[in-house]
Amino acid sequence: MTQRASPAPTLAFELALWAAGATRVAGVDEVGIGPLAGPVVAAACVVSPRCTPIPEVRDSKLLSPSVRASLALEVAAQATAIGIGAASVSEIEQLNVLRASRVAMRRALARLGEHDHALIDGRDFRAPWLGAHTAVVRGDGSCYSIACASIIAKVTRDRLMAKLAARHPEYGWERNAGYPTRAHLAAIREHGVTPYHRRTYRPVMLALAGLLPEPR
């Protein structure tokens, strides 16, 4: 079901924390660092110590849109709790996208509610709101609850971009999710920049200055 072969993420990190006494371990991931348009979205997902991993779950980037959508329903049914947070385009511009992604994570964890420990995809960082946590580099490919969170975050963001595409159909956001595809860059060059484009990103800055080259 995946677009390319990859090992399934496991519950190894969760099992170690459950054995140490944690009961609500949250996997956390974000999507939307690279796009030229739209928000950053994060999800936090708690699974039960009694759960059996869904065999097809992988890092969301390895899954087709239809498979992701189907798995998001399965993950939502299996999860003990899910929290979703976002950071807006204006927050991305004000804070930078890395800090905005952490704002989205904080909001996702806040909406998740009580948890004992967070498994965060990526490199470690310190924040007063984070509490007990473990950073897992490439966790969306190795840690089951993070992979589940990555699927929820990706499906949520793609749906948000599809809704925005109804307002600005010329950019094809329902297909490219705001990423800098050739068609998206050509549309920016032809139609200009919308309020949903990130003005701190180089292609958008070039477009605002009338300097965006024709896509190759």
N, C-alpha and C. Protein backbone atom coordinates (compact mmCIF):
# COMPACT_ATOMS: atom_id res chain seq x y z
N MET A 1 0.81 -1.21 0.00
CA MET A 1 0.00 0.00 0.00
C MET A 1 0.85 1.27 0.00
N THR A 2 2.11 1.15 0.38
CA THR A 2 2.97 2.34 0.39
C THR A 2 3.56 2.56 -0.99
N GLN A 3 4.03 3.76 -1.23
CA GLN A 3 4.57 4.09 -2.53
C GLN A 3 5.96 3.49 -2.72
N ARG A 4 6.68 3.23 -1.67
CA ARG A 4 7.94 2.51 -1.78
C ARG A 4 8.16 1.72 -0.49
N ALA A 5 8.90 0.61 -0.63
CA ALA A 5 9.07 -0.29 0.51
C ALA A 5 9.79 0.42 1.64
N SER A 6 9.31 0.20 2.85
CA SER A 6 9.94 0.78 4.03
C SER A 6 9.54 -0.04 5.23
N PRO A 7 10.42 -0.14 6.23
CA PRO A 7 10.05 -0.88 7.44
C PRO A 7 8.94 -0.17 8.20
N ALA A 8 8.12 -0.95 8.85
CA ALA A 8 7.02 -0.37 9.62
C ALA A 8 7.56 0.24 10.91
N PRO A 9 7.04 1.38 11.34
CA PRO A 9 7.41 1.92 12.65
C PRO A 9 6.95 0.98 13.74
N THR A 10 7.63 0.99 14.86
CA THR A 10 7.32 0.08 15.95
C THR A 10 6.91 0.84 17.21
N LEU A 11 6.52 0.07 18.21
CA LEU A 11 6.15 0.63 19.52
C LEU A 11 7.32 0.59 20.50
N ALA A 12 8.55 0.48 20.01
CA ALA A 12 9.70 0.33 20.91
C ALA A 12 9.82 1.49 21.89
N PHE A 13 9.69 2.72 21.41
CA PHE A 13 9.80 3.88 22.29
C PHE A 13 8.65 3.91 23.29
N GLU A 14 7.45 3.63 22.81
CA GLU A 14 6.28 3.64 23.69
C GLU A 14 6.38 2.53 24.74
N LEU A 15 6.83 1.35 24.33
CA LEU A 15 6.94 0.23 25.27
C LEU A 15 7.90 0.55 26.40
N ALA A 16 9.01 1.19 26.09
CA ALA A 16 9.98 1.56 27.12
C ALA A 16 9.37 2.53 28.12
N LEU A 17 8.59 3.48 27.62
CA LEU A 17 7.96 4.47 28.51
C LEU A 17 6.83 3.85 29.31
N TRP A 18 6.05 2.97 28.69
CA TRP A 18 4.99 2.29 29.43
C TRP A 18 5.60 1.42 30.54
N ALA A 19 6.71 0.75 30.24
CA ALA A 19 7.37 -0.09 31.25
C ALA A 19 7.89 0.74 32.41
N ALA A 20 8.22 2.01 32.14
CA ALA A 20 8.71 2.91 33.18
C ALA A 20 7.58 3.57 33.97
N GLY A 21 6.34 3.27 33.60
CA GLY A 21 5.20 3.78 34.37
C GLY A 21 4.34 4.81 33.67
N ALA A 22 4.74 5.28 32.50
CA ALA A 22 3.90 6.23 31.76
C ALA A 22 2.67 5.50 31.24
N THR A 23 1.55 6.19 31.19
CA THR A 23 0.32 5.59 30.67
C THR A 23 -0.21 6.31 29.44
N ARG A 24 0.08 7.61 29.32
CA ARG A 24 -0.39 8.38 28.16
C ARG A 24 0.83 8.99 27.46
N VAL A 25 1.32 8.27 26.48
CA VAL A 25 2.49 8.70 25.71
C VAL A 25 1.99 9.27 24.38
N ALA A 26 2.39 10.49 24.09
CA ALA A 26 1.91 11.18 22.89
C ALA A 26 3.00 11.25 21.83
N GLY A 27 2.69 10.77 20.63
CA GLY A 27 3.55 11.00 19.48
C GLY A 27 3.17 12.31 18.84
N VAL A 28 4.16 13.12 18.46
CA VAL A 28 3.90 14.46 17.91
C VAL A 28 4.70 14.66 16.63
N ASP A 29 4.02 15.18 15.61
CA ASP A 29 4.71 15.51 14.36
C ASP A 29 4.04 16.70 13.72
N GLU A 30 4.79 17.38 12.85
CA GLU A 30 4.25 18.53 12.12
C GLU A 30 4.46 18.34 10.63
N VAL A 31 3.66 19.06 9.85
CA VAL A 31 3.82 19.08 8.40
C VAL A 31 3.68 20.52 7.92
N GLY A 32 4.32 20.81 6.79
CA GLY A 32 4.13 22.12 6.20
C GLY A 32 5.30 23.06 6.35
N ILE A 33 6.51 22.54 6.55
CA ILE A 33 7.69 23.41 6.62
C ILE A 33 8.04 23.97 5.24
N GLY A 34 7.97 23.13 4.22
CA GLY A 34 8.45 23.50 2.90
C GLY A 34 7.52 24.27 1.98
N PRO A 35 6.21 24.23 2.16
CA PRO A 35 5.31 24.90 1.23
C PRO A 35 5.51 26.42 1.18
N LEU A 36 5.12 26.99 0.06
CA LEU A 36 5.14 28.44 -0.11
C LEU A 36 3.86 29.09 0.39
N ALA A 37 2.86 28.28 0.68
CA ALA A 37 1.56 28.82 1.08
C ALA A 37 0.93 27.94 2.15
N GLY A 38 0.07 28.57 2.96
CA GLY A 38 -0.70 27.83 3.95
C GLY A 38 -0.01 27.69 5.30
N PRO A 39 -0.73 27.17 6.27
CA PRO A 39 -0.23 27.06 7.64
C PRO A 39 0.70 25.87 7.83
N VAL A 40 1.34 25.85 8.98
CA VAL A 40 2.00 24.65 9.50
C VAL A 40 0.98 23.96 10.40
N VAL A 41 0.88 22.64 10.29
CA VAL A 41 -0.07 21.88 11.10
C VAL A 41 0.68 20.80 11.87
N ALA A 42 0.32 20.62 13.13
CA ALA A 42 0.90 19.57 13.96
C ALA A 42 -0.21 18.71 14.54
N ALA A 43 0.12 17.47 14.82
CA ALA A 43 -0.82 16.57 15.48
C ALA A 43 -0.10 15.84 16.60
N ALA A 44 -0.86 15.54 17.65
CA ALA A 44 -0.37 14.73 18.77
C ALA A 44 -1.33 13.55 18.91
N CYS A 45 -0.78 12.36 19.09
CA CYS A 45 -1.59 11.15 19.08
C CYS A 45 -1.17 10.23 20.22
N VAL A 46 -2.13 9.81 21.03
CA VAL A 46 -1.90 8.85 22.11
C VAL A 46 -2.52 7.52 21.71
N VAL A 47 -1.74 6.45 21.80
CA VAL A 47 -2.28 5.11 21.56
C VAL A 47 -2.21 4.31 22.85
N SER A 48 -3.06 3.31 22.94
CA SER A 48 -3.15 2.49 24.15
C SER A 48 -2.02 1.48 24.22
N PRO A 49 -1.55 1.16 25.45
CA PRO A 49 -0.57 0.07 25.59
C PRO A 49 -1.09 -1.26 25.08
N ARG A 50 -2.39 -1.37 24.91
CA ARG A 50 -2.99 -2.62 24.43
C ARG A 50 -3.20 -2.63 22.91
N CYS A 51 -2.78 -1.57 22.24
CA CYS A 51 -3.08 -1.48 20.81
C CYS A 51 -2.19 -2.41 19.99
N THR A 52 -2.72 -2.82 18.87
CA THR A 52 -1.95 -3.55 17.87
C THR A 52 -1.69 -2.60 16.71
N PRO A 53 -0.43 -2.35 16.37
CA PRO A 53 -0.15 -1.39 15.30
C PRO A 53 -0.88 -1.72 14.00
N ILE A 54 -1.40 -0.70 13.37
CA ILE A 54 -2.01 -0.86 12.05
C ILE A 54 -0.88 -1.14 11.06
N PRO A 55 -0.92 -2.28 10.36
CA PRO A 55 0.26 -2.70 9.58
C PRO A 55 0.70 -1.71 8.52
N GLU A 56 -0.24 -0.97 7.93
CA GLU A 56 0.11 -0.09 6.82
C GLU A 56 0.64 1.27 7.25
N VAL A 57 0.60 1.58 8.53
CA VAL A 57 1.06 2.90 8.99
C VAL A 57 2.54 3.07 8.69
N ARG A 58 2.85 4.21 8.08
CA ARG A 58 4.22 4.60 7.77
C ARG A 58 4.31 6.12 7.93
N ASP A 59 5.51 6.65 7.76
CA ASP A 59 5.70 8.09 7.61
C ASP A 59 4.74 8.56 6.52
N SER A 60 3.99 9.61 6.80
CA SER A 60 2.95 10.06 5.86
C SER A 60 3.51 10.41 4.48
N LYS A 61 4.78 10.81 4.41
CA LYS A 61 5.37 11.19 3.12
C LYS A 61 5.50 10.00 2.18
N LEU A 62 5.46 8.78 2.71
CA LEU A 62 5.62 7.58 1.90
C LEU A 62 4.29 7.04 1.40
N LEU A 63 3.20 7.67 1.74
CA LEU A 63 1.87 7.15 1.43
C LEU A 63 1.18 8.01 0.39
N SER A 64 0.39 7.37 -0.45
CA SER A 64 -0.41 8.11 -1.42
C SER A 64 -1.54 8.84 -0.70
N PRO A 65 -2.11 9.88 -1.30
CA PRO A 65 -3.21 10.61 -0.64
C PRO A 65 -4.38 9.72 -0.27
N SER A 66 -4.74 8.78 -1.13
CA SER A 66 -5.90 7.92 -0.82
C SER A 66 -5.60 6.99 0.34
N VAL A 67 -4.38 6.45 0.38
CA VAL A 67 -4.00 5.58 1.49
C VAL A 67 -3.92 6.37 2.79
N ARG A 68 -3.35 7.57 2.73
CA ARG A 68 -3.30 8.43 3.93
C ARG A 68 -4.69 8.69 4.47
N ALA A 69 -5.62 9.03 3.59
CA ALA A 69 -6.98 9.35 4.04
C ALA A 69 -7.64 8.15 4.71
N SER A 70 -7.44 6.98 4.14
CA SER A 70 -8.00 5.77 4.73
C SER A 70 -7.36 5.46 6.08
N LEU A 71 -6.04 5.59 6.15
CA LEU A 71 -5.35 5.31 7.41
C LEU A 71 -5.69 6.33 8.48
N ALA A 72 -5.94 7.58 8.10
CA ALA A 72 -6.31 8.59 9.09
C ALA A 72 -7.58 8.18 9.82
N LEU A 73 -8.52 7.58 9.12
CA LEU A 73 -9.75 7.10 9.77
C LEU A 73 -9.43 5.96 10.73
N GLU A 74 -8.56 5.06 10.33
CA GLU A 74 -8.19 3.94 11.21
C GLU A 74 -7.43 4.43 12.44
N VAL A 75 -6.52 5.36 12.23
CA VAL A 75 -5.76 5.91 13.36
C VAL A 75 -6.69 6.63 14.32
N ALA A 76 -7.62 7.41 13.80
CA ALA A 76 -8.56 8.14 14.66
C ALA A 76 -9.42 7.18 15.47
N ALA A 77 -9.78 6.04 14.88
CA ALA A 77 -10.58 5.06 15.60
C ALA A 77 -9.76 4.34 16.67
N GLN A 78 -8.47 4.13 16.40
CA GLN A 78 -7.62 3.41 17.35
C GLN A 78 -7.11 4.28 18.48
N ALA A 79 -6.84 5.54 18.20
CA ALA A 79 -6.17 6.41 19.17
C ALA A 79 -7.01 6.64 20.42
N THR A 80 -6.33 6.74 21.54
CA THR A 80 -6.98 7.12 22.79
C THR A 80 -7.34 8.60 22.78
N ALA A 81 -6.48 9.41 22.18
CA ALA A 81 -6.72 10.85 22.09
C ALA A 81 -5.90 11.42 20.95
N ILE A 82 -6.43 12.48 20.33
CA ILE A 82 -5.73 13.19 19.26
C ILE A 82 -5.89 14.68 19.49
N GLY A 83 -4.82 15.43 19.31
CA GLY A 83 -4.87 16.88 19.35
C GLY A 83 -4.25 17.45 18.08
N ILE A 84 -4.86 18.48 17.54
CA ILE A 84 -4.37 19.10 16.31
C ILE A 84 -4.17 20.59 16.55
N GLY A 85 -3.05 21.12 16.09
CA GLY A 85 -2.76 22.54 16.23
C GLY A 85 -2.17 23.08 14.94
N ALA A 86 -2.26 24.38 14.75
CA ALA A 86 -1.72 25.00 13.54
C ALA A 86 -1.10 26.34 13.88
N ALA A 87 -0.21 26.78 13.03
CA ALA A 87 0.35 28.13 13.09
C ALA A 87 0.09 28.79 11.75
N SER A 88 -0.40 30.00 11.78
CA SER A 88 -0.85 30.68 10.58
C SER A 88 0.31 31.21 9.74
N VAL A 89 -0.02 31.65 8.54
CA VAL A 89 0.98 32.27 7.67
C VAL A 89 1.60 33.49 8.35
N SER A 90 0.79 34.30 9.01
CA SER A 90 1.33 35.50 9.67
C SER A 90 2.28 35.12 10.79
N GLU A 91 1.98 34.03 11.52
CA GLU A 91 2.89 33.57 12.57
C GLU A 91 4.19 33.03 11.97
N ILE A 92 4.09 32.34 10.85
CA ILE A 92 5.29 31.86 10.16
C ILE A 92 6.18 33.04 9.77
N GLU A 93 5.55 34.09 9.26
CA GLU A 93 6.31 35.27 8.83
C GLU A 93 6.92 36.02 10.00
N GLN A 94 6.20 36.06 11.12
CA GLN A 94 6.68 36.81 12.29
C GLN A 94 7.76 36.05 13.06
N LEU A 95 7.60 34.72 13.18
CA LEU A 95 8.45 33.93 14.06
C LEU A 95 9.57 33.19 13.34
N ASN A 96 9.40 32.87 12.11
CA ASN A 96 10.09 31.94 11.22
C ASN A 96 9.40 30.58 11.32
N VAL A 97 9.57 29.78 10.29
CA VAL A 97 8.76 28.57 10.19
C VAL A 97 9.11 27.53 11.26
N LEU A 98 10.37 27.46 11.70
CA LEU A 98 10.73 26.50 12.73
C LEU A 98 10.03 26.83 14.04
N ARG A 99 10.10 28.10 14.45
CA ARG A 99 9.42 28.48 15.69
C ARG A 99 7.91 28.34 15.55
N ALA A 100 7.38 28.66 14.39
CA ALA A 100 5.94 28.51 14.17
C ALA A 100 5.52 27.04 14.26
N SER A 101 6.38 26.14 13.79
CA SER A 101 6.05 24.72 13.88
C SER A 101 5.96 24.27 15.33
N ARG A 102 6.78 24.88 16.19
CA ARG A 102 6.72 24.53 17.62
C ARG A 102 5.48 25.12 18.27
N VAL A 103 5.04 26.27 17.79
CA VAL A 103 3.76 26.82 18.25
C VAL A 103 2.64 25.84 17.90
N ALA A 104 2.67 25.31 16.69
CA ALA A 104 1.65 24.34 16.27
C ALA A 104 1.70 23.09 17.14
N MET A 105 2.92 22.62 17.48
CA MET A 105 3.05 21.46 18.36
C MET A 105 2.48 21.75 19.74
N ARG A 106 2.80 22.93 20.27
CA ARG A 106 2.28 23.30 21.59
C ARG A 106 0.76 23.29 21.59
N ARG A 107 0.15 23.82 20.55
CA ARG A 107 -1.30 23.85 20.46
C ARG A 107 -1.88 22.44 20.32
N ALA A 108 -1.19 21.59 19.57
CA ALA A 108 -1.66 20.22 19.42
C ALA A 108 -1.64 19.49 20.77
N LEU A 109 -0.56 19.66 21.52
CA LEU A 109 -0.47 19.02 22.84
C LEU A 109 -1.49 19.60 23.80
N ALA A 110 -1.74 20.90 23.73
CA ALA A 110 -2.74 21.52 24.60
C ALA A 110 -4.12 20.96 24.31
N ARG A 111 -4.43 20.75 23.04
CA ARG A 111 -5.74 20.22 22.67
C ARG A 111 -5.84 18.72 22.96
N LEU A 112 -4.68 18.07 23.00
CA LEU A 112 -4.67 16.65 23.35
C LEU A 112 -5.11 16.44 24.78
N GLY A 113 -4.70 17.34 25.66
CA GLY A 113 -5.00 17.18 27.07
C GLY A 113 -3.87 16.49 27.81
N GLU A 114 -4.18 15.87 28.91
CA GLU A 114 -3.18 15.28 29.80
C GLU A 114 -2.37 14.19 29.11
N HIS A 115 -1.06 14.24 29.30
CA HIS A 115 -0.18 13.18 28.81
C HIS A 115 1.04 13.13 29.73
N ASP A 116 1.68 11.95 29.79
CA ASP A 116 2.84 11.76 30.66
C ASP A 116 4.15 12.11 29.98
N HIS A 117 4.22 11.87 28.69
CA HIS A 117 5.49 12.00 27.97
C HIS A 117 5.17 12.22 26.50
N ALA A 118 5.96 13.08 25.86
CA ALA A 118 5.78 13.34 24.43
C ALA A 118 6.97 12.80 23.65
N LEU A 119 6.68 12.11 22.58
CA LEU A 119 7.70 11.66 21.63
C LEU A 119 7.63 12.61 20.44
N ILE A 120 8.66 13.43 20.27
CA ILE A 120 8.65 14.51 19.28
C ILE A 120 9.51 14.12 18.09
N ASP A 121 8.96 14.24 16.89
CA ASP A 121 9.76 13.98 15.70
C ASP A 121 10.79 15.08 15.49
N GLY A 122 12.03 14.69 15.24
CA GLY A 122 13.06 15.68 14.92
C GLY A 122 14.10 15.81 16.02
N ARG A 123 14.87 16.86 15.92
CA ARG A 123 15.94 17.11 16.89
C ARG A 123 15.38 17.74 18.16
N ASP A 124 16.11 17.56 19.24
CA ASP A 124 15.64 18.03 20.54
C ASP A 124 15.64 19.56 20.61
N PHE A 125 14.71 20.08 21.36
CA PHE A 125 14.68 21.50 21.68
C PHE A 125 14.05 21.67 23.05
N ARG A 126 14.29 22.78 23.68
CA ARG A 126 13.78 23.04 25.02
C ARG A 126 12.70 24.10 24.96
N ALA A 127 11.65 23.86 25.68
CA ALA A 127 10.56 24.84 25.78
C ALA A 127 9.82 24.58 27.08
N PRO A 128 9.42 25.64 27.80
CA PRO A 128 8.77 25.45 29.09
C PRO A 128 7.47 24.67 29.02
N TRP A 129 6.81 24.70 27.88
CA TRP A 129 5.52 24.01 27.74
C TRP A 129 5.68 22.53 27.41
N LEU A 130 6.90 22.10 27.06
CA LEU A 130 7.07 20.76 26.50
C LEU A 130 7.00 19.66 27.55
N GLY A 131 7.57 19.90 28.73
CA GLY A 131 7.54 18.88 29.76
C GLY A 131 8.39 17.67 29.41
N ALA A 132 8.05 16.53 30.01
CA ALA A 132 8.80 15.30 29.76
C ALA A 132 8.66 14.90 28.29
N HIS A 133 9.80 14.68 27.63
CA HIS A 133 9.73 14.38 26.21
C HIS A 133 10.99 13.67 25.75
N THR A 134 10.90 13.06 24.60
CA THR A 134 12.04 12.47 23.92
C THR A 134 11.97 12.89 22.46
N ALA A 135 13.07 13.44 21.96
CA ALA A 135 13.15 13.78 20.54
C ALA A 135 13.65 12.57 19.77
N VAL A 136 12.96 12.23 18.71
CA VAL A 136 13.31 11.06 17.91
C VAL A 136 13.59 11.52 16.47
N VAL A 137 14.85 11.54 16.10
CA VAL A 137 15.20 11.93 14.73
C VAL A 137 14.62 10.91 13.76
N ARG A 138 13.93 11.41 12.74
CA ARG A 138 13.21 10.57 11.78
C ARG A 138 12.21 9.67 12.48
N GLY A 139 11.60 10.20 13.51
CA GLY A 139 10.64 9.43 14.29
C GLY A 139 9.41 9.04 13.52
N ASP A 140 9.06 9.82 12.48
CA ASP A 140 7.87 9.46 11.72
C ASP A 140 8.06 8.17 10.93
N GLY A 141 9.31 7.72 10.81
CA GLY A 141 9.56 6.46 10.15
C GLY A 141 9.84 5.31 11.09
N SER A 142 10.10 5.60 12.38
CA SER A 142 10.51 4.55 13.30
C SER A 142 9.59 4.37 14.50
N CYS A 143 8.85 5.40 14.86
CA CYS A 143 8.04 5.39 16.09
C CYS A 143 6.56 5.40 15.71
N TYR A 144 5.82 4.41 16.19
CA TYR A 144 4.44 4.23 15.74
C TYR A 144 3.55 5.42 16.03
N SER A 145 3.56 5.93 17.25
CA SER A 145 2.64 7.03 17.58
C SER A 145 3.01 8.31 16.82
N ILE A 146 4.31 8.52 16.54
CA ILE A 146 4.71 9.68 15.74
C ILE A 146 4.23 9.50 14.30
N ALA A 147 4.37 8.29 13.76
CA ALA A 147 3.88 8.03 12.40
C ALA A 147 2.38 8.27 12.31
N CYS A 148 1.64 7.84 13.33
CA CYS A 148 0.20 8.10 13.36
C CYS A 148 -0.08 9.60 13.36
N ALA A 149 0.68 10.34 14.17
CA ALA A 149 0.51 11.80 14.21
C ALA A 149 0.84 12.43 12.87
N SER A 150 1.86 11.90 12.19
CA SER A 150 2.23 12.46 10.89
C SER A 150 1.11 12.29 9.87
N ILE A 151 0.42 11.16 9.92
CA ILE A 151 -0.70 10.92 9.00
C ILE A 151 -1.85 11.88 9.30
N ILE A 152 -2.19 12.03 10.57
CA ILE A 152 -3.28 12.94 10.94
C ILE A 152 -2.94 14.37 10.54
N ALA A 153 -1.71 14.79 10.81
CA ALA A 153 -1.31 16.17 10.47
C ALA A 153 -1.34 16.40 8.97
N LYS A 154 -0.83 15.45 8.21
CA LYS A 154 -0.77 15.61 6.75
C LYS A 154 -2.17 15.65 6.14
N VAL A 155 -3.03 14.74 6.54
CA VAL A 155 -4.39 14.72 6.00
C VAL A 155 -5.13 16.00 6.38
N THR A 156 -4.95 16.45 7.62
CA THR A 156 -5.60 17.69 8.06
C THR A 156 -5.13 18.87 7.23
N ARG A 157 -3.82 18.98 7.04
CA ARG A 157 -3.30 20.12 6.27
C ARG A 157 -3.73 20.07 4.81
N ASP A 158 -3.69 18.88 4.22
CA ASP A 158 -4.11 18.76 2.82
C ASP A 158 -5.56 19.19 2.64
N ARG A 159 -6.40 18.85 3.61
CA ARG A 159 -7.81 19.25 3.51
C ARG A 159 -7.96 20.76 3.68
N LEU A 160 -7.17 21.35 4.55
CA LEU A 160 -7.19 22.82 4.69
C LEU A 160 -6.77 23.49 3.38
N MET A 161 -5.74 22.95 2.75
CA MET A 161 -5.27 23.54 1.50
C MET A 161 -6.30 23.36 0.38
N ALA A 162 -7.02 22.25 0.39
CA ALA A 162 -8.07 22.05 -0.61
C ALA A 162 -9.19 23.08 -0.43
N LYS A 163 -9.49 23.42 0.82
CA LYS A 163 -10.51 24.45 1.08
C LYS A 163 -10.02 25.82 0.60
N LEU A 164 -8.75 26.12 0.85
CA LEU A 164 -8.19 27.39 0.37
C LEU A 164 -8.14 27.42 -1.16
N ALA A 165 -7.97 26.26 -1.77
CA ALA A 165 -7.94 26.19 -3.24
C ALA A 165 -9.26 26.61 -3.85
N ALA A 166 -10.35 26.41 -3.12
CA ALA A 166 -11.65 26.84 -3.64
C ALA A 166 -11.72 28.36 -3.76
N ARG A 167 -10.94 29.07 -2.94
CA ARG A 167 -10.90 30.54 -3.00
C ARG A 167 -9.92 31.02 -4.08
N HIS A 168 -8.88 30.24 -4.29
CA HIS A 168 -7.83 30.63 -5.25
C HIS A 168 -7.51 29.43 -6.14
N PRO A 169 -8.42 29.03 -7.01
CA PRO A 169 -8.25 27.79 -7.77
C PRO A 169 -7.08 27.78 -8.74
N GLU A 170 -6.59 28.96 -9.10
CA GLU A 170 -5.54 29.02 -10.11
C GLU A 170 -4.20 28.46 -9.63
N TYR A 171 -4.03 28.26 -8.30
CA TYR A 171 -2.74 27.82 -7.78
C TYR A 171 -2.64 26.30 -7.61
N GLY A 172 -3.74 25.59 -7.73
CA GLY A 172 -3.70 24.13 -7.66
C GLY A 172 -3.35 23.57 -6.30
N TRP A 173 -3.73 24.29 -5.24
CA TRP A 173 -3.35 23.83 -3.89
C TRP A 173 -3.96 22.50 -3.51
N GLU A 174 -5.08 22.15 -4.13
CA GLU A 174 -5.69 20.85 -3.84
C GLU A 174 -4.80 19.71 -4.33
N ARG A 175 -3.87 20.03 -5.24
CA ARG A 175 -2.93 19.03 -5.76
C ARG A 175 -1.53 19.18 -5.16
N ASN A 176 -1.05 20.41 -5.04
CA ASN A 176 0.34 20.60 -4.59
C ASN A 176 0.47 20.98 -3.12
N ALA A 177 -0.66 21.22 -2.44
CA ALA A 177 -0.67 21.55 -1.00
C ALA A 177 0.21 22.75 -0.66
N GLY A 178 0.45 23.60 -1.66
CA GLY A 178 1.26 24.80 -1.43
C GLY A 178 2.74 24.62 -1.67
N TYR A 179 3.18 23.41 -1.99
CA TYR A 179 4.61 23.18 -2.23
C TYR A 179 5.05 23.84 -3.54
N PRO A 180 6.35 24.11 -3.68
CA PRO A 180 6.83 24.85 -4.85
C PRO A 180 6.98 23.99 -6.09
N THR A 181 5.88 23.44 -6.56
CA THR A 181 5.91 22.69 -7.81
C THR A 181 6.06 23.65 -8.99
N ARG A 182 6.40 23.10 -10.13
CA ARG A 182 6.55 23.93 -11.32
C ARG A 182 5.24 24.67 -11.63
N ALA A 183 4.11 23.95 -11.52
CA ALA A 183 2.82 24.57 -11.82
C ALA A 183 2.49 25.67 -10.82
N HIS A 184 2.82 25.45 -9.55
CA HIS A 184 2.54 26.47 -8.53
C HIS A 184 3.38 27.72 -8.79
N LEU A 185 4.65 27.52 -9.08
CA LEU A 185 5.52 28.67 -9.35
C LEU A 185 5.05 29.43 -10.59
N ALA A 186 4.61 28.69 -11.60
CA ALA A 186 4.09 29.35 -12.81
C ALA A 186 2.84 30.16 -12.50
N ALA A 187 1.98 29.62 -11.62
CA ALA A 187 0.77 30.34 -11.24
C ALA A 187 1.09 31.61 -10.46
N ILE A 188 2.08 31.52 -9.57
CA ILE A 188 2.50 32.72 -8.82
C ILE A 188 3.03 33.77 -9.79
N ARG A 189 3.82 33.33 -10.74
CA ARG A 189 4.38 34.27 -11.72
C ARG A 189 3.28 34.95 -12.54
N GLU A 190 2.23 34.17 -12.87
CA GLU A 190 1.16 34.71 -13.71
C GLU A 190 0.14 35.52 -12.92
N HIS A 191 -0.24 35.04 -11.73
CA HIS A 191 -1.36 35.62 -11.00
C HIS A 191 -0.94 36.44 -9.77
N GLY A 192 0.31 36.34 -9.39
CA GLY A 192 0.76 37.08 -8.22
C GLY A 192 0.60 36.30 -6.93
N VAL A 193 0.73 37.00 -5.83
CA VAL A 193 0.78 36.41 -4.50
C VAL A 193 -0.53 36.66 -3.76
N THR A 194 -1.00 35.65 -3.03
CA THR A 194 -2.22 35.77 -2.23
C THR A 194 -1.87 36.03 -0.76
N PRO A 195 -2.87 36.34 0.07
CA PRO A 195 -2.61 36.48 1.51
C PRO A 195 -2.15 35.19 2.17
N TYR A 196 -2.34 34.06 1.48
CA TYR A 196 -1.95 32.77 2.06
C TYR A 196 -0.54 32.36 1.68
N HIS A 197 0.14 33.15 0.86
CA HIS A 197 1.54 32.87 0.53
C HIS A 197 2.47 33.43 1.61
N ARG A 198 3.56 32.72 1.85
CA ARG A 198 4.52 33.10 2.89
C ARG A 198 5.53 34.08 2.30
N ARG A 199 5.41 35.32 2.70
CA ARG A 199 6.21 36.38 2.09
C ARG A 199 7.68 36.36 2.50
N THR A 200 8.03 35.54 3.47
CA THR A 200 9.43 35.41 3.87
C THR A 200 10.15 34.30 3.11
N TYR A 201 9.43 33.58 2.26
CA TYR A 201 10.04 32.51 1.46
C TYR A 201 10.57 33.11 0.15
N ARG A 202 11.74 32.69 -0.25
CA ARG A 202 12.44 33.33 -1.36
C ARG A 202 11.62 33.42 -2.65
N PRO A 203 10.99 32.34 -3.13
CA PRO A 203 10.22 32.48 -4.38
C PRO A 203 9.10 33.52 -4.28
N VAL A 204 8.48 33.60 -3.11
CA VAL A 204 7.41 34.59 -2.93
C VAL A 204 8.00 36.00 -2.89
N MET A 205 9.13 36.15 -2.21
CA MET A 205 9.81 37.45 -2.18
C MET A 205 10.18 37.89 -3.59
N LEU A 206 10.69 36.96 -4.39
CA LEU A 206 11.05 37.29 -5.77
C LEU A 206 9.82 37.68 -6.58
N ALA A 207 8.72 36.96 -6.34
CA ALA A 207 7.48 37.28 -7.06
C ALA A 207 6.99 38.68 -6.70
N LEU A 208 7.07 39.03 -5.43
CA LEU A 208 6.63 40.36 -4.99
C LEU A 208 7.49 41.45 -5.62
N ALA A 209 8.74 41.14 -5.88
CA ALA A 209 9.65 42.11 -6.49
C ALA A 209 9.61 42.06 -8.02
N GLY A 210 8.77 41.17 -8.56
CA GLY A 210 8.70 41.03 -10.01
C GLY A 210 9.91 40.34 -10.61
N LEU A 211 10.60 39.53 -9.80
CA LEU A 211 11.85 38.92 -10.24
C LEU A 211 11.79 37.40 -10.30
N LEU A 212 10.62 36.81 -10.09
CA LEU A 212 10.53 35.35 -10.11
C LEU A 212 10.75 34.84 -11.53
N PRO A 213 11.77 34.01 -11.75
CA PRO A 213 12.04 33.54 -13.11
C PRO A 213 10.98 32.55 -13.57
N GLU A 214 10.89 32.38 -14.85
CA GLU A 214 9.96 31.40 -15.41
C GLU A 214 10.41 30.01 -15.01
N PRO A 215 9.50 29.16 -14.47
CA PRO A 215 9.90 27.81 -14.04
C PRO A 215 10.45 27.00 -15.21
N ARG A 216 11.46 26.20 -14.93
CA ARG A 216 12.06 25.36 -15.97
C ARG A 216 11.37 24.01 -16.01
